[in-house]
């Protein structure tokens, strides 16, 4: 019972107040890894997570996303990059991960911070939002075609939220997200000057 009480007394970690940096060496790596994270709302503030879900898609899901086009296709600074907004019971994590040559680490970190700043100061385009809405709707339909998949989805939301509404209406929630909502979420939860960053390098690609 004490373990249960400990879990119920947990509180979310505060947002980063500055840049918290950790670096590691992994001898198995051929290229460096970079992960930038922000602490964001979780299940208790579910309505706050939808704009962050859309923003994650705009920044780093698919070949049309901002970070992929800029850092992979145009500047060729990374070999892989992706963005996710993970919503968990107590707290969420918005994170950007990249695989890249070690000599590009500083430039990529700075470029990502600039993209976050741009999301705070400029509204995203209607076409970008429409792309994510379509992707979310299609993924929701295809990933839940099997009864077992639907059961897992319903079980997850009921155990975490006590309600199936978020599971049943997720595409509708995403459809209601506006460019202003996304800008406000970026301003409130994502700082280009305060985040956690983890860098891993192989022994042969340390700067």
N, C-alpha and C. Protein backbone atom coordinates (compact mmCIF):
# COMPACT_ATOMS: atom_id res chain seq x y z
N UNK A 1 0.82 -1.20 0.00
CA UNK A 1 0.00 0.00 0.00
C UNK A 1 0.85 1.25 0.00
N UNK A 2 2.04 1.16 0.65
CA UNK A 2 2.91 2.34 0.68
C UNK A 2 3.40 2.69 -0.72
N UNK A 3 3.61 1.66 -1.55
CA UNK A 3 4.06 1.92 -2.92
C UNK A 3 2.97 2.65 -3.70
N UNK A 4 1.70 2.24 -3.48
CA UNK A 4 0.58 2.90 -4.14
C UNK A 4 0.48 4.34 -3.68
N UNK A 5 0.63 4.55 -2.37
CA UNK A 5 0.57 5.91 -1.85
C UNK A 5 1.68 6.78 -2.43
N UNK A 6 2.88 6.18 -2.58
CA UNK A 6 3.99 6.93 -3.14
C UNK A 6 3.68 7.38 -4.56
N UNK A 7 3.04 6.49 -5.34
CA UNK A 7 2.71 6.84 -6.72
C UNK A 7 1.67 7.94 -6.77
N UNK A 8 0.68 7.88 -5.88
CA UNK A 8 -0.38 8.88 -5.91
C UNK A 8 0.13 10.24 -5.44
N UNK A 9 1.21 10.25 -4.68
CA UNK A 9 1.76 11.51 -4.20
C UNK A 9 2.80 12.12 -5.14
N UNK A 10 3.06 11.45 -6.25
CA UNK A 10 4.03 11.98 -7.19
C UNK A 10 3.53 13.26 -7.84
N UNK A 11 4.43 14.16 -8.12
CA UNK A 11 4.08 15.40 -8.82
C UNK A 11 4.98 15.54 -10.04
N UNK A 12 4.50 16.22 -11.08
CA UNK A 12 5.31 16.39 -12.29
C UNK A 12 6.60 17.16 -12.01
N UNK A 13 7.63 16.83 -12.75
CA UNK A 13 8.87 17.59 -12.68
C UNK A 13 8.63 18.97 -13.29
N UNK A 14 9.23 20.02 -12.74
CA UNK A 14 9.06 21.35 -13.33
C UNK A 14 9.76 21.44 -14.68
N UNK A 15 9.34 22.39 -15.48
CA UNK A 15 10.00 22.62 -16.77
C UNK A 15 11.46 22.99 -16.54
N UNK A 16 12.30 22.66 -17.50
CA UNK A 16 13.71 23.06 -17.40
C UNK A 16 13.81 24.58 -17.35
N UNK A 17 14.72 25.07 -16.53
CA UNK A 17 14.95 26.51 -16.42
C UNK A 17 16.16 26.96 -17.21
N UNK A 18 16.96 26.00 -17.65
CA UNK A 18 18.12 26.29 -18.49
C UNK A 18 18.42 25.04 -19.31
N UNK A 19 19.54 25.04 -19.98
CA UNK A 19 19.92 23.87 -20.77
C UNK A 19 20.69 22.90 -19.89
N UNK A 20 20.14 21.70 -19.74
CA UNK A 20 20.77 20.64 -18.94
C UNK A 20 21.37 19.63 -19.90
N UNK A 21 22.69 19.54 -19.91
CA UNK A 21 23.40 18.78 -20.94
C UNK A 21 24.09 17.55 -20.33
N UNK A 22 23.94 16.41 -21.02
CA UNK A 22 24.62 15.19 -20.63
C UNK A 22 25.26 14.58 -21.88
N UNK A 23 26.50 14.14 -21.75
CA UNK A 23 27.20 13.53 -22.88
C UNK A 23 27.76 12.18 -22.47
N UNK A 24 27.68 11.22 -23.39
CA UNK A 24 28.12 9.86 -23.12
C UNK A 24 28.93 9.34 -24.31
N UNK A 25 29.69 8.29 -24.04
CA UNK A 25 30.43 7.60 -25.09
C UNK A 25 29.85 6.19 -25.23
N UNK A 26 29.50 5.82 -26.45
CA UNK A 26 29.01 4.48 -26.76
C UNK A 26 29.87 3.94 -27.90
N UNK A 27 30.74 3.00 -27.58
CA UNK A 27 31.70 2.50 -28.56
C UNK A 27 31.04 1.85 -29.77
N UNK A 28 29.79 1.46 -29.64
CA UNK A 28 29.11 0.78 -30.75
C UNK A 28 28.59 1.74 -31.81
N UNK A 29 28.59 3.04 -31.53
CA UNK A 29 27.99 4.01 -32.45
C UNK A 29 28.93 4.37 -33.59
N UNK A 30 28.39 4.33 -34.80
CA UNK A 30 29.12 4.82 -35.96
C UNK A 30 28.89 6.32 -36.16
N UNK A 31 27.69 6.78 -35.78
CA UNK A 31 27.36 8.20 -35.82
C UNK A 31 26.85 8.63 -34.46
N UNK A 32 26.91 9.92 -34.21
CA UNK A 32 26.45 10.45 -32.92
C UNK A 32 24.93 10.43 -32.85
N UNK A 33 24.42 10.51 -31.63
CA UNK A 33 22.99 10.63 -31.37
C UNK A 33 22.75 11.89 -30.55
N UNK A 34 21.70 12.58 -30.88
CA UNK A 34 21.30 13.79 -30.16
C UNK A 34 19.83 13.67 -29.80
N UNK A 35 19.50 13.92 -28.54
CA UNK A 35 18.11 13.92 -28.09
C UNK A 35 17.87 15.19 -27.27
N UNK A 36 16.89 15.98 -27.68
CA UNK A 36 16.50 17.19 -26.95
C UNK A 36 15.10 16.98 -26.40
N UNK A 37 14.89 17.27 -25.11
CA UNK A 37 13.61 16.98 -24.46
C UNK A 37 13.09 18.19 -23.70
N UNK A 38 11.76 18.29 -23.69
CA UNK A 38 11.05 19.29 -22.89
C UNK A 38 9.99 18.58 -22.07
N UNK A 39 9.79 19.00 -20.84
CA UNK A 39 8.74 18.44 -19.99
C UNK A 39 7.44 19.18 -20.29
N UNK A 40 6.42 18.42 -20.62
CA UNK A 40 5.15 19.00 -21.07
C UNK A 40 3.99 18.32 -20.34
N UNK A 41 2.74 18.80 -20.54
CA UNK A 41 1.61 18.19 -19.84
C UNK A 41 1.41 16.72 -20.18
N UNK A 42 0.83 15.99 -19.23
CA UNK A 42 0.52 14.59 -19.42
C UNK A 42 -0.98 14.34 -19.37
N UNK A 43 -1.36 13.14 -18.97
CA UNK A 43 -2.77 12.73 -18.95
C UNK A 43 -3.65 13.68 -18.13
N UNK A 44 -3.20 14.18 -16.97
CA UNK A 44 -4.09 15.08 -16.20
C UNK A 44 -4.49 16.35 -16.94
N UNK A 45 -3.69 16.75 -17.93
CA UNK A 45 -4.01 17.94 -18.72
C UNK A 45 -4.11 17.56 -20.20
N UNK A 46 -4.93 16.57 -20.47
CA UNK A 46 -4.98 15.96 -21.80
C UNK A 46 -5.28 16.98 -22.89
N UNK A 47 -6.16 17.94 -22.61
CA UNK A 47 -6.53 18.93 -23.63
C UNK A 47 -5.33 19.77 -24.07
N UNK A 48 -4.33 19.88 -23.19
CA UNK A 48 -3.15 20.67 -23.52
C UNK A 48 -2.19 19.91 -24.45
N UNK A 49 -2.42 18.61 -24.62
CA UNK A 49 -1.46 17.80 -25.37
C UNK A 49 -1.72 17.78 -26.88
N UNK A 50 -2.94 18.10 -27.30
CA UNK A 50 -3.29 17.94 -28.71
C UNK A 50 -2.49 18.88 -29.61
N UNK A 51 -2.33 20.14 -29.20
CA UNK A 51 -1.55 21.08 -30.02
C UNK A 51 -0.10 20.63 -30.11
N UNK A 52 0.43 20.06 -29.03
CA UNK A 52 1.80 19.55 -29.05
C UNK A 52 1.93 18.34 -29.97
N UNK A 53 0.89 17.51 -30.02
CA UNK A 53 0.88 16.38 -30.95
C UNK A 53 0.99 16.87 -32.39
N UNK A 54 0.19 17.89 -32.72
CA UNK A 54 0.22 18.43 -34.08
C UNK A 54 1.57 19.06 -34.38
N UNK A 55 2.10 19.80 -33.42
CA UNK A 55 3.40 20.44 -33.62
C UNK A 55 4.51 19.41 -33.84
N UNK A 56 4.45 18.32 -33.10
CA UNK A 56 5.44 17.25 -33.30
C UNK A 56 5.40 16.74 -34.74
N UNK A 57 4.18 16.60 -35.27
CA UNK A 57 4.04 16.15 -36.65
C UNK A 57 4.58 17.16 -37.65
N UNK A 58 4.29 18.43 -37.41
CA UNK A 58 4.76 19.48 -38.32
C UNK A 58 6.29 19.55 -38.33
N UNK A 59 6.88 19.40 -37.17
CA UNK A 59 8.34 19.52 -37.06
C UNK A 59 9.07 18.28 -37.55
N UNK A 60 8.56 17.09 -37.25
CA UNK A 60 9.41 15.94 -37.49
C UNK A 60 8.79 14.62 -37.81
N UNK A 61 7.62 14.60 -38.47
CA UNK A 61 7.06 13.32 -38.88
C UNK A 61 6.84 13.32 -40.38
N UNK A 62 7.65 12.53 -41.06
CA UNK A 62 7.49 12.41 -42.50
C UNK A 62 8.45 13.31 -43.28
N UNK A 63 8.53 13.03 -44.57
CA UNK A 63 9.47 13.72 -45.44
C UNK A 63 9.10 15.18 -45.67
N UNK A 64 7.85 15.55 -45.40
CA UNK A 64 7.41 16.93 -45.58
C UNK A 64 7.58 17.76 -44.31
N UNK A 65 8.03 17.15 -43.24
CA UNK A 65 8.15 17.88 -41.98
C UNK A 65 9.31 18.89 -42.04
N UNK A 66 9.23 19.90 -41.21
CA UNK A 66 10.19 21.01 -41.25
C UNK A 66 11.63 20.57 -41.00
N UNK A 67 11.84 19.80 -39.95
CA UNK A 67 13.20 19.41 -39.60
C UNK A 67 13.79 18.45 -40.62
N UNK A 68 12.98 17.55 -41.14
CA UNK A 68 13.48 16.61 -42.14
C UNK A 68 13.90 17.36 -43.40
N UNK A 69 13.04 18.27 -43.86
CA UNK A 69 13.36 19.00 -45.09
C UNK A 69 14.59 19.89 -44.91
N UNK A 70 14.67 20.56 -43.77
CA UNK A 70 15.78 21.49 -43.54
C UNK A 70 17.09 20.78 -43.25
N UNK A 71 17.09 19.89 -42.25
CA UNK A 71 18.34 19.32 -41.76
C UNK A 71 18.77 18.06 -42.50
N UNK A 72 17.82 17.34 -43.07
CA UNK A 72 18.16 16.12 -43.81
C UNK A 72 18.27 16.38 -45.31
N UNK A 73 17.25 16.98 -45.89
CA UNK A 73 17.22 17.12 -47.34
C UNK A 73 18.05 18.31 -47.84
N UNK A 74 17.87 19.46 -47.22
CA UNK A 74 18.51 20.67 -47.74
C UNK A 74 19.94 20.84 -47.25
N UNK A 75 20.14 20.83 -45.95
CA UNK A 75 21.49 21.06 -45.41
C UNK A 75 22.30 19.78 -45.21
N UNK A 76 21.63 18.64 -45.22
CA UNK A 76 22.29 17.33 -45.10
C UNK A 76 23.19 17.25 -43.86
N UNK A 77 22.66 17.75 -42.75
CA UNK A 77 23.39 17.73 -41.49
C UNK A 77 23.11 16.48 -40.67
N UNK A 78 21.98 15.81 -40.93
CA UNK A 78 21.60 14.61 -40.18
C UNK A 78 21.28 13.49 -41.16
N UNK A 79 21.37 12.26 -40.68
CA UNK A 79 20.92 11.13 -41.49
C UNK A 79 19.52 10.68 -41.09
N UNK A 80 19.14 10.94 -39.84
CA UNK A 80 17.78 10.66 -39.37
C UNK A 80 17.37 11.74 -38.39
N UNK A 81 16.08 12.07 -38.39
CA UNK A 81 15.56 12.99 -37.38
C UNK A 81 14.06 12.75 -37.21
N UNK A 82 13.58 12.86 -35.99
CA UNK A 82 12.16 12.66 -35.72
C UNK A 82 11.74 13.40 -34.46
N UNK A 83 10.45 13.62 -34.34
CA UNK A 83 9.90 14.35 -33.20
C UNK A 83 8.69 13.59 -32.68
N UNK A 84 8.57 13.50 -31.36
CA UNK A 84 7.42 12.84 -30.73
C UNK A 84 6.95 13.62 -29.51
N UNK A 85 5.66 13.57 -29.27
CA UNK A 85 5.09 14.09 -28.03
C UNK A 85 4.49 12.90 -27.30
N UNK A 86 5.12 12.47 -26.23
CA UNK A 86 4.69 11.29 -25.50
C UNK A 86 3.87 11.72 -24.29
N UNK A 87 2.62 11.30 -24.26
CA UNK A 87 1.72 11.66 -23.16
C UNK A 87 1.64 10.50 -22.18
N UNK A 88 2.12 10.71 -20.96
CA UNK A 88 2.11 9.67 -19.94
C UNK A 88 1.22 10.09 -18.78
N UNK A 89 1.07 9.17 -17.82
CA UNK A 89 0.07 9.38 -16.78
C UNK A 89 0.33 10.64 -15.95
N UNK A 90 1.56 10.86 -15.57
CA UNK A 90 1.87 11.99 -14.71
C UNK A 90 2.32 13.21 -15.49
N UNK A 91 3.08 12.98 -16.54
CA UNK A 91 3.71 14.07 -17.28
C UNK A 91 4.03 13.60 -18.69
N UNK A 92 4.15 14.54 -19.58
CA UNK A 92 4.52 14.21 -20.95
C UNK A 92 5.94 14.65 -21.26
N UNK A 93 6.45 14.13 -22.38
CA UNK A 93 7.78 14.50 -22.86
C UNK A 93 7.69 14.80 -24.35
N UNK A 94 8.13 15.98 -24.72
CA UNK A 94 8.25 16.36 -26.13
C UNK A 94 9.73 16.21 -26.47
N UNK A 95 10.03 15.34 -27.43
CA UNK A 95 11.45 15.12 -27.68
C UNK A 95 11.77 15.05 -29.17
N UNK A 96 12.97 15.51 -29.48
CA UNK A 96 13.50 15.52 -30.84
C UNK A 96 14.78 14.69 -30.83
N UNK A 97 14.85 13.70 -31.70
CA UNK A 97 16.03 12.83 -31.73
C UNK A 97 16.63 12.84 -33.14
N UNK A 98 17.95 12.76 -33.20
CA UNK A 98 18.63 12.79 -34.49
C UNK A 98 19.85 11.87 -34.47
N UNK A 99 20.15 11.34 -35.63
CA UNK A 99 21.38 10.58 -35.87
C UNK A 99 22.21 11.41 -36.84
N UNK A 100 23.47 11.65 -36.52
CA UNK A 100 24.23 12.63 -37.30
C UNK A 100 25.73 12.48 -37.08
N UNK A 101 26.54 13.02 -38.00
CA UNK A 101 27.98 13.08 -37.76
C UNK A 101 28.28 13.98 -36.57
N UNK A 102 29.24 13.60 -35.75
CA UNK A 102 29.52 14.34 -34.52
C UNK A 102 29.91 15.79 -34.80
N UNK A 103 30.54 16.04 -35.93
CA UNK A 103 30.97 17.41 -36.22
C UNK A 103 29.79 18.35 -36.48
N UNK A 104 28.59 17.79 -36.66
CA UNK A 104 27.41 18.63 -36.92
C UNK A 104 26.57 18.89 -35.67
N UNK A 105 26.98 18.36 -34.53
CA UNK A 105 26.14 18.42 -33.33
C UNK A 105 25.75 19.84 -32.94
N UNK A 106 26.71 20.72 -32.84
CA UNK A 106 26.42 22.08 -32.40
C UNK A 106 25.51 22.80 -33.37
N UNK A 107 25.76 22.61 -34.67
CA UNK A 107 24.94 23.29 -35.68
C UNK A 107 23.51 22.78 -35.67
N UNK A 108 23.34 21.48 -35.48
CA UNK A 108 21.99 20.90 -35.46
C UNK A 108 21.24 21.33 -34.21
N UNK A 109 21.90 21.32 -33.07
CA UNK A 109 21.24 21.79 -31.84
C UNK A 109 20.76 23.23 -32.01
N UNK A 110 21.60 24.07 -32.55
CA UNK A 110 21.24 25.47 -32.76
C UNK A 110 20.09 25.60 -33.76
N UNK A 111 20.12 24.79 -34.81
CA UNK A 111 19.06 24.84 -35.82
C UNK A 111 17.72 24.42 -35.24
N UNK A 112 17.73 23.38 -34.41
CA UNK A 112 16.48 22.92 -33.78
C UNK A 112 15.93 24.01 -32.86
N UNK A 113 16.80 24.63 -32.07
CA UNK A 113 16.36 25.72 -31.20
C UNK A 113 15.75 26.85 -32.01
N UNK A 114 16.33 27.14 -33.17
CA UNK A 114 15.78 28.19 -34.04
C UNK A 114 14.40 27.80 -34.58
N UNK A 115 14.21 26.53 -34.89
CA UNK A 115 12.90 26.07 -35.36
C UNK A 115 11.85 26.22 -34.24
N UNK A 116 12.23 25.89 -33.02
CA UNK A 116 11.31 26.07 -31.89
C UNK A 116 10.95 27.54 -31.73
N UNK A 117 11.95 28.40 -31.82
CA UNK A 117 11.70 29.85 -31.72
C UNK A 117 10.76 30.32 -32.82
N UNK A 118 10.94 29.81 -34.01
CA UNK A 118 10.06 30.18 -35.13
C UNK A 118 8.62 29.79 -34.85
N UNK A 119 8.43 28.62 -34.24
CA UNK A 119 7.07 28.18 -33.90
C UNK A 119 6.43 29.09 -32.86
N UNK A 120 7.25 29.72 -32.04
CA UNK A 120 6.73 30.64 -31.03
C UNK A 120 6.37 32.00 -31.61
N UNK A 121 7.02 32.38 -32.68
CA UNK A 121 6.87 33.74 -33.22
C UNK A 121 6.06 33.81 -34.51
N UNK A 122 5.89 32.68 -35.20
CA UNK A 122 5.15 32.65 -36.45
C UNK A 122 4.07 31.57 -36.40
N UNK A 123 2.94 31.85 -37.00
CA UNK A 123 1.88 30.84 -37.10
C UNK A 123 2.25 29.81 -38.16
N UNK A 124 1.98 28.54 -37.87
CA UNK A 124 2.19 27.50 -38.87
C UNK A 124 1.14 27.66 -39.96
N UNK A 125 1.40 27.10 -41.12
CA UNK A 125 0.48 27.27 -42.25
C UNK A 125 -0.70 26.32 -42.16
N UNK A 126 -1.79 26.69 -42.82
CA UNK A 126 -2.97 25.83 -42.87
C UNK A 126 -2.64 24.50 -43.54
N UNK A 127 -1.79 24.53 -44.56
CA UNK A 127 -1.45 23.29 -45.27
C UNK A 127 -0.69 22.32 -44.37
N UNK A 128 0.16 22.86 -43.49
CA UNK A 128 0.89 22.00 -42.57
C UNK A 128 -0.06 21.33 -41.58
N UNK A 129 -1.01 22.11 -41.06
CA UNK A 129 -1.99 21.54 -40.14
C UNK A 129 -2.83 20.50 -40.84
N UNK A 130 -3.25 20.78 -42.08
CA UNK A 130 -4.09 19.85 -42.84
C UNK A 130 -3.36 18.53 -43.07
N UNK A 131 -2.06 18.59 -43.34
CA UNK A 131 -1.27 17.37 -43.56
C UNK A 131 -1.29 16.49 -42.32
N UNK A 132 -1.13 17.09 -41.16
CA UNK A 132 -1.11 16.32 -39.92
C UNK A 132 -2.49 15.77 -39.60
N UNK A 133 -3.54 16.56 -39.84
CA UNK A 133 -4.90 16.07 -39.60
C UNK A 133 -5.16 14.81 -40.42
N UNK A 134 -4.79 14.85 -41.70
CA UNK A 134 -5.01 13.70 -42.58
C UNK A 134 -4.20 12.49 -42.11
N UNK A 135 -2.94 12.73 -41.75
CA UNK A 135 -2.08 11.64 -41.29
C UNK A 135 -2.64 11.00 -40.01
N UNK A 136 -3.08 11.84 -39.07
CA UNK A 136 -3.62 11.34 -37.81
C UNK A 136 -4.88 10.53 -38.05
N UNK A 137 -5.77 11.05 -38.89
CA UNK A 137 -7.02 10.35 -39.17
C UNK A 137 -6.76 8.99 -39.81
N UNK A 138 -5.85 8.95 -40.79
CA UNK A 138 -5.54 7.70 -41.46
C UNK A 138 -4.89 6.70 -40.51
N UNK A 139 -3.94 7.17 -39.71
CA UNK A 139 -3.27 6.28 -38.76
C UNK A 139 -4.26 5.74 -37.73
N UNK A 140 -5.16 6.59 -37.28
CA UNK A 140 -6.15 6.18 -36.28
C UNK A 140 -7.03 5.07 -36.85
N UNK A 141 -7.45 5.23 -38.09
CA UNK A 141 -8.33 4.24 -38.72
C UNK A 141 -7.58 2.92 -38.95
N UNK A 142 -6.41 3.00 -39.58
CA UNK A 142 -5.68 1.79 -39.95
C UNK A 142 -5.14 1.05 -38.73
N UNK A 143 -4.69 1.78 -37.72
CA UNK A 143 -4.10 1.12 -36.56
C UNK A 143 -5.14 0.49 -35.65
N UNK A 144 -6.41 0.84 -35.86
CA UNK A 144 -7.45 0.30 -34.99
C UNK A 144 -8.44 -0.59 -35.73
N UNK A 145 -8.03 -1.10 -36.90
CA UNK A 145 -8.92 -1.97 -37.66
C UNK A 145 -9.13 -3.31 -36.95
N UNK A 146 -8.08 -3.82 -36.30
CA UNK A 146 -8.19 -5.11 -35.62
C UNK A 146 -8.84 -4.94 -34.25
N UNK A 147 -9.74 -5.86 -33.88
CA UNK A 147 -10.37 -5.78 -32.55
C UNK A 147 -9.36 -5.75 -31.42
N UNK A 148 -8.25 -6.49 -31.57
CA UNK A 148 -7.24 -6.51 -30.51
C UNK A 148 -6.60 -5.14 -30.34
N UNK A 149 -6.40 -4.42 -31.45
CA UNK A 149 -5.82 -3.08 -31.38
C UNK A 149 -6.78 -2.12 -30.69
N UNK A 150 -8.06 -2.24 -31.02
CA UNK A 150 -9.06 -1.37 -30.38
C UNK A 150 -9.13 -1.67 -28.88
N UNK A 151 -9.06 -2.95 -28.53
CA UNK A 151 -9.10 -3.32 -27.11
C UNK A 151 -7.93 -2.72 -26.36
N UNK A 152 -6.75 -2.78 -26.96
CA UNK A 152 -5.57 -2.19 -26.32
C UNK A 152 -5.73 -0.69 -26.15
N UNK A 153 -6.25 -0.03 -27.18
CA UNK A 153 -6.45 1.42 -27.12
C UNK A 153 -7.44 1.78 -26.03
N UNK A 154 -8.59 1.08 -26.02
CA UNK A 154 -9.61 1.38 -25.02
C UNK A 154 -9.09 1.09 -23.61
N UNK A 155 -8.38 -0.03 -23.47
CA UNK A 155 -7.84 -0.38 -22.16
C UNK A 155 -6.86 0.65 -21.65
N UNK A 156 -6.02 1.15 -22.55
CA UNK A 156 -5.03 2.15 -22.14
C UNK A 156 -5.72 3.41 -21.64
N UNK A 157 -6.65 3.94 -22.43
CA UNK A 157 -7.28 5.20 -22.04
C UNK A 157 -8.15 5.03 -20.79
N UNK A 158 -8.83 3.89 -20.69
CA UNK A 158 -9.69 3.72 -19.51
C UNK A 158 -8.84 3.59 -18.25
N UNK A 159 -7.71 2.90 -18.36
CA UNK A 159 -6.84 2.74 -17.18
C UNK A 159 -6.17 4.05 -16.79
N UNK A 160 -5.87 4.88 -17.78
CA UNK A 160 -5.16 6.13 -17.51
C UNK A 160 -6.09 7.29 -17.19
N UNK A 161 -7.21 7.36 -17.91
CA UNK A 161 -8.10 8.52 -17.80
C UNK A 161 -9.42 8.18 -17.12
N UNK A 162 -9.82 6.89 -17.21
CA UNK A 162 -11.13 6.51 -16.69
C UNK A 162 -12.25 6.87 -17.64
N UNK A 163 -11.93 7.05 -18.93
CA UNK A 163 -12.91 7.52 -19.90
C UNK A 163 -12.44 7.10 -21.29
N UNK A 164 -13.36 6.65 -22.14
CA UNK A 164 -13.00 6.27 -23.50
C UNK A 164 -13.12 7.42 -24.49
N UNK A 165 -13.70 8.53 -24.08
CA UNK A 165 -13.92 9.64 -25.00
C UNK A 165 -12.65 10.08 -25.72
N UNK A 166 -11.52 10.25 -25.03
CA UNK A 166 -10.31 10.67 -25.74
C UNK A 166 -9.88 9.69 -26.82
N UNK A 167 -10.09 8.40 -26.57
CA UNK A 167 -9.71 7.38 -27.55
C UNK A 167 -10.63 7.42 -28.76
N UNK A 168 -11.93 7.56 -28.51
CA UNK A 168 -12.91 7.54 -29.59
C UNK A 168 -12.85 8.79 -30.45
N UNK A 169 -12.49 9.91 -29.86
CA UNK A 169 -12.59 11.19 -30.56
C UNK A 169 -11.24 11.86 -30.80
N UNK A 170 -10.16 11.09 -30.75
CA UNK A 170 -8.84 11.71 -30.94
C UNK A 170 -8.73 12.48 -32.26
N UNK A 171 -9.15 11.92 -33.41
CA UNK A 171 -9.06 12.70 -34.65
C UNK A 171 -9.85 14.01 -34.59
N UNK A 172 -10.99 14.00 -33.91
CA UNK A 172 -11.78 15.24 -33.78
C UNK A 172 -11.04 16.27 -32.95
N UNK A 173 -10.38 15.82 -31.89
CA UNK A 173 -9.60 16.74 -31.07
C UNK A 173 -8.46 17.36 -31.88
N UNK A 174 -7.80 16.54 -32.69
CA UNK A 174 -6.72 17.05 -33.53
C UNK A 174 -7.26 18.03 -34.57
N UNK A 175 -8.43 17.72 -35.12
CA UNK A 175 -9.03 18.59 -36.14
C UNK A 175 -9.36 19.96 -35.59
N UNK A 176 -9.61 20.05 -34.29
CA UNK A 176 -10.00 21.32 -33.69
C UNK A 176 -8.80 22.21 -33.36
N UNK A 177 -7.59 21.69 -33.49
CA UNK A 177 -6.39 22.46 -33.15
C UNK A 177 -6.13 23.52 -34.22
N UNK A 178 -5.92 24.75 -33.79
CA UNK A 178 -5.66 25.86 -34.71
C UNK A 178 -4.20 26.27 -34.68
N UNK A 179 -3.82 27.11 -35.63
CA UNK A 179 -2.46 27.63 -35.68
C UNK A 179 -2.13 28.42 -34.42
N UNK A 180 -3.11 29.15 -33.92
CA UNK A 180 -2.91 29.92 -32.68
C UNK A 180 -2.68 28.99 -31.50
N UNK A 181 -3.44 27.88 -31.44
CA UNK A 181 -3.24 26.89 -30.37
C UNK A 181 -1.81 26.36 -30.38
N UNK A 182 -1.30 26.09 -31.58
CA UNK A 182 0.05 25.55 -31.71
C UNK A 182 1.09 26.57 -31.27
N UNK A 183 0.89 27.81 -31.67
CA UNK A 183 1.82 28.86 -31.27
C UNK A 183 1.83 29.03 -29.75
N UNK A 184 0.66 29.03 -29.14
CA UNK A 184 0.56 29.18 -27.69
C UNK A 184 1.23 28.01 -26.97
N UNK A 185 1.05 26.80 -27.49
CA UNK A 185 1.67 25.62 -26.87
C UNK A 185 3.19 25.72 -26.95
N UNK A 186 3.70 26.16 -28.09
CA UNK A 186 5.15 26.33 -28.24
C UNK A 186 5.68 27.38 -27.27
N UNK A 187 4.94 28.46 -27.14
CA UNK A 187 5.35 29.54 -26.24
C UNK A 187 5.33 29.10 -24.78
N UNK A 188 4.34 28.29 -24.42
CA UNK A 188 4.17 27.91 -23.03
C UNK A 188 5.07 26.76 -22.59
N UNK A 189 5.29 25.79 -23.49
CA UNK A 189 5.93 24.55 -23.06
C UNK A 189 7.30 24.28 -23.67
N UNK A 190 7.64 24.93 -24.76
CA UNK A 190 8.90 24.64 -25.45
C UNK A 190 9.77 25.89 -25.50
N UNK A 191 10.87 25.86 -24.82
CA UNK A 191 11.77 27.01 -24.83
C UNK A 191 13.03 26.68 -25.63
N UNK A 192 13.46 27.58 -26.51
CA UNK A 192 14.73 27.37 -27.22
C UNK A 192 15.94 27.61 -26.34
N UNK A 193 15.70 28.05 -25.11
CA UNK A 193 16.79 28.37 -24.18
C UNK A 193 16.79 27.50 -22.92
N UNK A 194 15.85 26.57 -22.83
CA UNK A 194 15.76 25.71 -21.64
C UNK A 194 15.21 24.35 -22.04
N UNK A 195 16.06 23.34 -21.97
CA UNK A 195 15.67 21.98 -22.34
C UNK A 195 16.73 21.01 -21.83
N UNK A 196 16.40 19.74 -21.89
CA UNK A 196 17.39 18.71 -21.60
C UNK A 196 17.97 18.21 -22.90
N UNK A 197 19.25 17.93 -22.91
CA UNK A 197 19.87 17.40 -24.13
C UNK A 197 20.84 16.28 -23.76
N UNK A 198 20.72 15.18 -24.47
CA UNK A 198 21.61 14.03 -24.29
C UNK A 198 22.33 13.80 -25.61
N UNK A 199 23.64 13.70 -25.53
CA UNK A 199 24.47 13.44 -26.70
C UNK A 199 25.28 12.17 -26.45
N UNK A 200 25.26 11.28 -27.42
CA UNK A 200 26.07 10.06 -27.34
C UNK A 200 26.97 10.00 -28.57
N UNK A 201 28.24 9.72 -28.34
CA UNK A 201 29.21 9.64 -29.43
C UNK A 201 29.97 8.32 -29.34
N UNK A 202 30.38 7.81 -30.50
CA UNK A 202 31.28 6.67 -30.53
C UNK A 202 32.70 7.11 -30.23
N UNK A 203 33.56 6.18 -29.92
CA UNK A 203 34.94 6.54 -29.57
C UNK A 203 35.68 7.16 -30.75
N UNK A 204 35.24 6.83 -31.96
CA UNK A 204 35.94 7.36 -33.13
C UNK A 204 35.38 8.66 -33.65
N UNK A 205 34.27 9.16 -33.05
CA UNK A 205 33.70 10.40 -33.59
C UNK A 205 33.54 11.47 -32.52
N UNK A 206 34.41 11.42 -31.52
CA UNK A 206 34.40 12.49 -30.53
C UNK A 206 35.13 13.71 -31.08
N UNK A 207 34.59 14.87 -30.76
CA UNK A 207 35.20 16.10 -31.25
C UNK A 207 36.40 16.46 -30.39
